[in-house]
C-alpha atoms as a PDB file:
ATOM      1  CA  UNK A   1    -104.051 -50.007  50.256  1.00  0.00           C
ATOM      2  CA  UNK A   2    -102.379 -46.328  50.945  1.00  0.00           C
ATOM      3  CA  UNK A   3     -98.823 -46.397  50.034  1.00  0.00           C
ATOM      4  CA  UNK A   4     -96.402 -43.751  50.885  1.00  0.00           C
ATOM      5  CA  UNK A   5     -92.708 -43.408  49.259  1.00  0.00           C
ATOM      6  CA  UNK A   6     -90.240 -41.731  51.199  1.00  0.00           C
ATOM      7  CA  UNK A   7     -88.399 -39.735  48.892  1.00  0.00           C
ATOM      8  CA  UNK A   8     -84.923 -38.134  49.899  1.00  0.00           C
ATOM      9  CA  UNK A   9     -84.846 -35.373  47.522  1.00  0.00           C
ATOM     10  CA  UNK A  10     -86.910 -32.679  47.471  1.00  0.00           C
ATOM     11  CA  UNK A  11     -86.653 -31.913  43.413  1.00  0.00           C
ATOM     12  CA  UNK A  12     -87.516 -35.328  42.872  1.00  0.00           C
ATOM     13  CA  UNK A  13     -90.427 -35.115  45.969  1.00  0.00           C
ATOM     14  CA  UNK A  14     -91.805 -32.931  43.375  1.00  0.00           C
ATOM     15  CA  UNK A  15     -91.389 -34.822  39.909  1.00  0.00           C
ATOM     16  CA  UNK A  16     -93.317 -37.532  41.832  1.00  0.00           C
ATOM     17  CA  UNK A  17     -96.177 -35.565  43.408  1.00  0.00           C
ATOM     18  CA  UNK A  18     -96.726 -34.132  39.408  1.00  0.00           C
ATOM     19  CA  UNK A  19     -96.546 -37.610  37.720  1.00  0.00           C
ATOM     20  CA  UNK A  20     -98.577 -39.283  40.231  1.00  0.00           C
ATOM     21  CA  UNK A  21    -100.447 -36.575  41.606  1.00  0.00           C
ATOM     22  CA  UNK A  22    -103.998 -38.344  40.333  1.00  0.00           C
ATOM     23  CA  UNK A  23    -103.663 -41.613  42.732  1.00  0.00           C
ATOM     24  CA  UNK A  24    -105.230 -40.708  45.877  1.00  0.00           C
ATOM     25  CA  UNK A  25    -104.035 -43.703  47.804  1.00  0.00           C
ATOM     26  CA  UNK A  26    -100.419 -42.442  47.270  1.00  0.00           C
ATOM     27  CA  UNK A  27     -98.540 -40.169  49.366  1.00  0.00           C
ATOM     28  CA  UNK A  28     -95.069 -38.913  48.921  1.00  0.00           C
ATOM     29  CA  UNK A  29     -92.563 -37.957  51.919  1.00  0.00           C
ATOM     30  CA  UNK A  30     -89.522 -36.514  52.405  1.00  0.00           C
ATOM     31  CA  UNK A  31     -87.779 -38.543  54.154  1.00  0.00           C
ATOM     32  CA  UNK A  32     -85.085 -36.848  56.312  1.00  0.00           C
ATOM     33  CA  UNK A  33     -82.959 -38.389  58.770  1.00  0.00           C
ATOM     34  CA  UNK A  34     -83.439 -38.178  62.766  1.00  0.00           C
ATOM     35  CA  UNK A  35     -81.058 -36.583  64.892  1.00  0.00           C
ATOM     36  CA  UNK A  36     -80.279 -39.392  66.137  1.00  0.00           C
ATOM     37  CA  UNK A  37     -79.465 -41.340  62.814  1.00  0.00           C
ATOM     38  CA  UNK A  38     -77.533 -38.690  61.402  1.00  0.00           C
ATOM     39  CA  UNK A  39     -75.208 -38.543  64.996  1.00  0.00           C
ATOM     40  CA  UNK A  40     -74.888 -42.489  64.855  1.00  0.00           C
ATOM     41  CA  UNK A  41     -73.577 -42.226  61.099  1.00  0.00           C
ATOM     42  CA  UNK A  42     -70.782 -39.971  62.110  1.00  0.00           C
ATOM     43  CA  UNK A  43     -70.173 -41.765  64.766  1.00  0.00           C
ATOM     44  CA  UNK A  44     -69.557 -44.651  61.887  1.00  0.00           C
ATOM     45  CA  UNK A  45     -73.171 -46.649  63.185  1.00  0.00           C
ATOM     46  CA  UNK A  46     -75.603 -47.002  60.452  1.00  0.00           C
ATOM     47  CA  UNK A  47     -78.828 -46.767  62.072  1.00  0.00           C
ATOM     48  CA  UNK A  48     -83.071 -46.857  60.903  1.00  0.00           C
ATOM     49  CA  UNK A  49     -85.851 -45.235  62.974  1.00  0.00           C
ATOM     50  CA  UNK A  50     -87.551 -47.945  63.446  1.00  0.00           C
ATOM     51  CA  UNK A  51     -90.023 -45.447  65.482  1.00  0.00           C
ATOM     52  CA  UNK A  52     -91.122 -44.419  61.656  1.00  0.00           C
ATOM     53  CA  UNK A  53     -91.579 -47.706  60.054  1.00  0.00           C
ATOM     54  CA  UNK A  54     -93.602 -49.493  63.186  1.00  0.00           C
ATOM     55  CA  UNK A  55     -97.130 -47.688  61.141  1.00  0.00           C
ATOM     56  CA  UNK A  56     -96.278 -49.788  57.967  1.00  0.00           C
ATOM     57  CA  UNK A  57     -97.955 -53.127  56.983  1.00  0.00           C
ATOM     58  CA  UNK A  58     -95.282 -54.098  54.962  1.00  0.00           C
ATOM     59  CA  UNK A  59     -91.749 -52.984  52.843  1.00  0.00           C
ATOM     60  CA  UNK A  60     -92.117 -52.434  49.296  1.00  0.00           C
ATOM     61  CA  UNK A  61     -88.316 -51.880  47.642  1.00  0.00           C
ATOM     62  CA  UNK A  62     -88.734 -50.937  44.054  1.00  0.00           C
ATOM     63  CA  UNK A  63     -85.515 -49.757  42.034  1.00  0.00           C
ATOM     64  CA  UNK A  64     -82.922 -50.915  39.031  1.00  0.00           C
ATOM     65  CA  UNK A  65     -79.476 -51.759  39.517  1.00  0.00           C
ATOM     66  CA  UNK A  66     -80.281 -51.275  43.291  1.00  0.00           C
ATOM     67  CA  UNK A  67     -77.762 -54.540  43.858  1.00  0.00           C
ATOM     68  CA  UNK A  68     -74.285 -53.687  42.983  1.00  0.00           C
ATOM     69  CA  UNK A  69     -71.500 -54.233  44.796  1.00  0.00           C
ATOM     70  CA  UNK A  70     -69.557 -51.597  46.341  1.00  0.00           C
ATOM     71  CA  UNK A  71     -65.790 -51.711  47.925  1.00  0.00           C
ATOM     72  CA  UNK A  72     -65.575 -48.226  48.665  1.00  0.00           C
ATOM     73  CA  UNK A  73     -69.045 -48.185  50.675  1.00  0.00           C
ATOM     74  CA  UNK A  74     -72.116 -50.556  51.504  1.00  0.00           C
ATOM     75  CA  UNK A  75     -74.011 -48.245  53.210  1.00  0.00           C
ATOM     76  CA  UNK A  76     -76.990 -48.969  51.110  1.00  0.00           C
ATOM     77  CA  UNK A  77     -76.793 -52.570  51.980  1.00  0.00           C
ATOM     78  CA  UNK A  78     -76.273 -52.317  55.849  1.00  0.00           C
ATOM     79  CA  UNK A  79     -79.715 -49.452  55.955  1.00  0.00           C
ATOM     80  CA  UNK A  80     -81.826 -52.127  53.639  1.00  0.00           C
ATOM     81  CA  UNK A  81     -80.000 -55.148  55.446  1.00  0.00           C
ATOM     82  CA  UNK A  82     -81.689 -53.554  58.098  1.00  0.00           C
ATOM     83  CA  UNK A  83     -85.239 -52.722  57.241  1.00  0.00           C
ATOM     84  CA  UNK A  84     -85.494 -56.187  56.230  1.00  0.00           C
ATOM     85  CA  UNK A  85     -84.123 -57.395  59.107  1.00  0.00           C
ATOM     86  CA  UNK A  86     -87.253 -55.315  61.059  1.00  0.00           C
ATOM     87  CA  UNK A  87     -90.058 -55.947  58.749  1.00  0.00           C
ATOM     88  CA  UNK A  88     -89.355 -59.697  58.545  1.00  0.00           C
ATOM     89  CA  UNK A  89     -89.204 -60.025  62.477  1.00  0.00           C
ATOM     90  CA  UNK A  90     -92.022 -58.063  63.062  1.00  0.00           C
ATOM     91  CA  UNK A  91     -93.664 -61.321  60.296  1.00  0.00           C
ATOM     92  CA  UNK A  92     -94.394 -58.553  57.541  1.00  0.00           C
ATOM     93  CA  UNK A  93     -94.017 -58.713  53.938  1.00  0.00           C
ATOM     94  CA  UNK A  94     -90.965 -57.650  52.504  1.00  0.00           C
ATOM     95  CA  UNK A  95     -90.880 -57.548  48.611  1.00  0.00           C
ATOM     96  CA  UNK A  96     -88.176 -56.265  46.092  1.00  0.00           C
ATOM     97  CA  UNK A  97     -89.964 -55.314  42.576  1.00  0.00           C
ATOM     98  CA  UNK A  98     -87.871 -54.911  39.038  1.00  0.00           C
ATOM     99  CA  UNK A  99     -84.310 -54.928  40.522  1.00  0.00           C
ATOM    100  CA  UNK A 100     -81.004 -56.591  38.708  1.00  0.00           C
ATOM    101  CA  UNK A 101     -78.221 -58.132  40.884  1.00  0.00           C
ATOM    102  CA  UNK A 102     -74.385 -56.976  39.966  1.00  0.00           C
ATOM    103  CA  UNK A 103     -71.684 -56.458  39.017  1.00  0.00           C
ATOM    104  CA  UNK A 104     -70.634 -58.186  41.836  1.00  0.00           C
ATOM    105  CA  UNK A 105     -66.969 -59.069  43.006  1.00  0.00           C
ATOM    106  CA  UNK A 106     -66.940 -61.311  45.747  1.00  0.00           C
ATOM    107  CA  UNK A 107     -68.768 -64.194  46.998  1.00  0.00           C
ATOM    108  CA  UNK A 108     -69.725 -63.239  50.461  1.00  0.00           C
ATOM    109  CA  UNK A 109     -71.824 -60.549  48.752  1.00  0.00           C
ATOM    110  CA  UNK A 110     -73.410 -62.866  46.565  1.00  0.00           C
ATOM    111  CA  UNK A 111     -73.914 -65.221  50.064  1.00  0.00           C
ATOM    112  CA  UNK A 112     -75.171 -61.998  51.862  1.00  0.00           C
ATOM    113  CA  UNK A 113     -77.296 -61.308  49.422  1.00  0.00           C
ATOM    114  CA  UNK A 114     -79.350 -65.179  49.178  1.00  0.00           C
ATOM    115  CA  UNK A 115     -79.934 -64.957  53.184  1.00  0.00           C
ATOM    116  CA  UNK A 116     -81.553 -61.444  53.030  1.00  0.00           C
ATOM    117  CA  UNK A 117     -83.708 -62.654  49.427  1.00  0.00           C
ATOM    118  CA  UNK A 118     -84.649 -65.748  51.529  1.00  0.00           C
ATOM    119  CA  UNK A 119     -86.675 -63.139  54.573  1.00  0.00           C
ATOM    120  CA  UNK A 120     -88.611 -61.423  51.638  1.00  0.00           C
ATOM    121  CA  UNK A 121     -91.717 -62.828  50.255  1.00  0.00           C
ATOM    122  CA  UNK A 122     -91.002 -61.758  47.350  1.00  0.00           C
ATOM    123  CA  UNK A 123     -88.120 -60.425  44.760  1.00  0.00           C
ATOM    124  CA  UNK A 124     -88.889 -60.456  40.941  1.00  0.00           C
ATOM    125  CA  UNK A 125     -85.579 -59.843  38.795  1.00  0.00           C
ATOM    126  CA  UNK A 126     -85.843 -57.693  35.792  1.00  0.00           C
ATOM    127  CA  UNK A 127     -82.870 -59.395  34.320  1.00  0.00           C
ATOM    128  CA  UNK A 128     -83.149 -63.392  33.776  1.00  0.00           C
ATOM    129  CA  UNK A 129     -79.314 -63.193  34.650  1.00  0.00           C
ATOM    130  CA  UNK A 130     -80.078 -61.962  38.301  1.00  0.00           C
ATOM    131  CA  UNK A 131     -83.163 -64.355  38.492  1.00  0.00           C
ATOM    132  CA  UNK A 132     -80.571 -67.345  37.177  1.00  0.00           C
ATOM    133  CA  UNK A 133     -78.355 -66.484  40.405  1.00  0.00           C
ATOM    134  CA  UNK A 134     -81.368 -66.871  43.312  1.00  0.00           C
ATOM    135  CA  UNK A 135     -83.440 -68.970  41.217  1.00  0.00           C
ATOM    136  CA  UNK A 136     -82.940 -71.707  43.548  1.00  0.00           C
ATOM    137  CA  UNK A 137     -85.060 -69.854  45.946  1.00  0.00           C
ATOM    138  CA  UNK A 138     -88.911 -70.158  45.508  1.00  0.00           C
ATOM    139  CA  UNK A 139     -89.709 -66.503  46.355  1.00  0.00           C
ATOM    140  CA  UNK A 140     -87.667 -65.220  43.347  1.00  0.00           C
ATOM    141  CA  UNK A 141     -89.009 -64.712  40.453  1.00  0.00           C
ATOM    142  CA  UNK A 142     -88.235 -63.156  36.573  1.00  0.00           C
ATOM    143  CA  UNK A 143     -90.993 -60.272  34.999  1.00  0.00           C
ATOM    144  CA  UNK A 144     -89.579 -57.238  32.710  1.00  0.00           C
ATOM    145  CA  UNK A 145     -88.917 -54.156  34.157  1.00  0.00           C
ATOM    146  CA  UNK A 146     -91.835 -52.628  35.537  1.00  0.00           C
ATOM    147  CA  UNK A 147     -90.701 -48.640  33.958  1.00  0.00           C
ATOM    148  CA  UNK A 148     -90.307 -50.027  31.173  1.00  0.00           C
ATOM    149  CA  UNK A 149     -93.344 -51.822  30.586  1.00  0.00           C
ATOM    150  CA  UNK A 150     -95.151 -48.905  31.008  1.00  0.00           C
ATOM    151  CA  UNK A 151     -98.046 -47.631  28.254  1.00  0.00           C
ATOM    152  CA  UNK A 152     -96.088 -44.128  28.255  1.00  0.00           C
ATOM    153  CA  UNK A 153     -97.031 -41.701  24.970  1.00  0.00           C
ATOM    154  CA  UNK A 154     -94.140 -41.996  22.552  1.00  0.00           C
ATOM    155  CA  UNK A 155     -92.277 -38.663  22.048  1.00  0.00           C
ATOM    156  CA  UNK A 156     -90.759 -36.827  19.223  1.00  0.00           C
ATOM    157  CA  UNK A 157     -87.852 -37.999  17.871  1.00  0.00           C
ATOM    158  CA  UNK A 158     -84.830 -35.900  16.805  1.00  0.00           C
ATOM    159  CA  UNK A 159     -82.549 -37.048  14.089  1.00  0.00           C
ATOM    160  CA  UNK A 160     -79.192 -36.886  15.484  1.00  0.00           C
ATOM    161  CA  UNK A 161     -79.679 -37.015  19.072  1.00  0.00           C
ATOM    162  CA  UNK A 162     -77.983 -39.751  21.519  1.00  0.00           C
ATOM    163  CA  UNK A 163     -79.321 -39.319  25.221  1.00  0.00           C
ATOM    164  CA  UNK A 164     -76.840 -40.685  27.636  1.00  0.00           C
ATOM    165  CA  UNK A 165     -77.952 -41.104  31.059  1.00  0.00           C
ATOM    166  CA  UNK A 166     -75.473 -39.976  33.801  1.00  0.00           C
ATOM    167  CA  UNK A 167     -75.137 -41.030  37.027  1.00  0.00           C
ATOM    168  CA  UNK A 168     -74.770 -38.527  40.014  1.00  0.00           C
ATOM    169  CA  UNK A 169     -71.738 -39.417  41.340  1.00  0.00           C
ATOM    170  CA  UNK A 170     -71.719 -35.962  44.501  1.00  0.00           C
ATOM    171  CA  UNK A 171     -73.283 -38.356  47.499  1.00  0.00           C
ATOM    172  CA  UNK A 172     -70.976 -42.211  46.944  1.00  0.00           C
ATOM    173  CA  UNK A 173     -67.795 -41.966  48.439  1.00  0.00           C
ATOM    174  CA  UNK A 174     -64.869 -42.452  45.303  1.00  0.00           C
ATOM    175  CA  UNK A 175     -62.225 -39.555  45.177  1.00  0.00           C
ATOM    176  CA  UNK A 176     -62.350 -36.320  43.724  1.00  0.00           C
ATOM    177  CA  UNK A 177     -60.417 -38.001  41.075  1.00  0.00           C
ATOM    178  CA  UNK A 178     -62.245 -40.992  39.750  1.00  0.00           C
ATOM    179  CA  UNK A 179     -65.687 -39.020  39.566  1.00  0.00           C
ATOM    180  CA  UNK A 180     -63.916 -36.306  37.645  1.00  0.00           C
ATOM    181  CA  UNK A 181     -62.493 -39.370  35.228  1.00  0.00           C
ATOM    182  CA  UNK A 182     -66.012 -40.814  35.240  1.00  0.00           C
ATOM    183  CA  UNK A 183     -67.221 -37.107  33.928  1.00  0.00           C
ATOM    184  CA  UNK A 184     -64.231 -36.859  31.547  1.00  0.00           C
ATOM    185  CA  UNK A 185     -65.042 -40.261  30.162  1.00  0.00           C
ATOM    186  CA  UNK A 186     -68.292 -39.608  30.075  1.00  0.00           C
ATOM    187  CA  UNK A 187     -67.513 -36.676  27.668  1.00  0.00           C
ATOM    188  CA  UNK A 188     -65.352 -38.351  25.397  1.00  0.00           C
END
């Protein structure tokens, strides 16, 4: 099977190519929105490039915390729903791997995702809490995190150090005040 991995950030594209360059069946593509997609987005209409998706036999969406309800911006949810609907209507398999669900705040968000996951061939949650929310769906399962399960070389540990993972809020629709407060909190 040949895999095309669509990457939206040029810097990350370089990292992926370097890390996975030995796999000849994996192709990394810088994903840019078409003129039509950018124009519609400015008009408040979210679209997907069906012409680009047409050539694929299936769709795999892999991530971690990819289902967090954001009351300020549901762009990612809408785009994912459109892609799932596209592949579902074409009777092509959809896989969502190594994710967790939440935090979520509304029953409607949970209900929308129950419907979304029913269209998938398989949804694999990396935590029991998320799995239990959707375990009544036969195509839902649980498995440890894909990335953390990799057999990676251990780095040399440094004493008296702490690693902190900071979320990049640059492209998220939070106010500058909220972004600044978040960074200040992390600094503290």
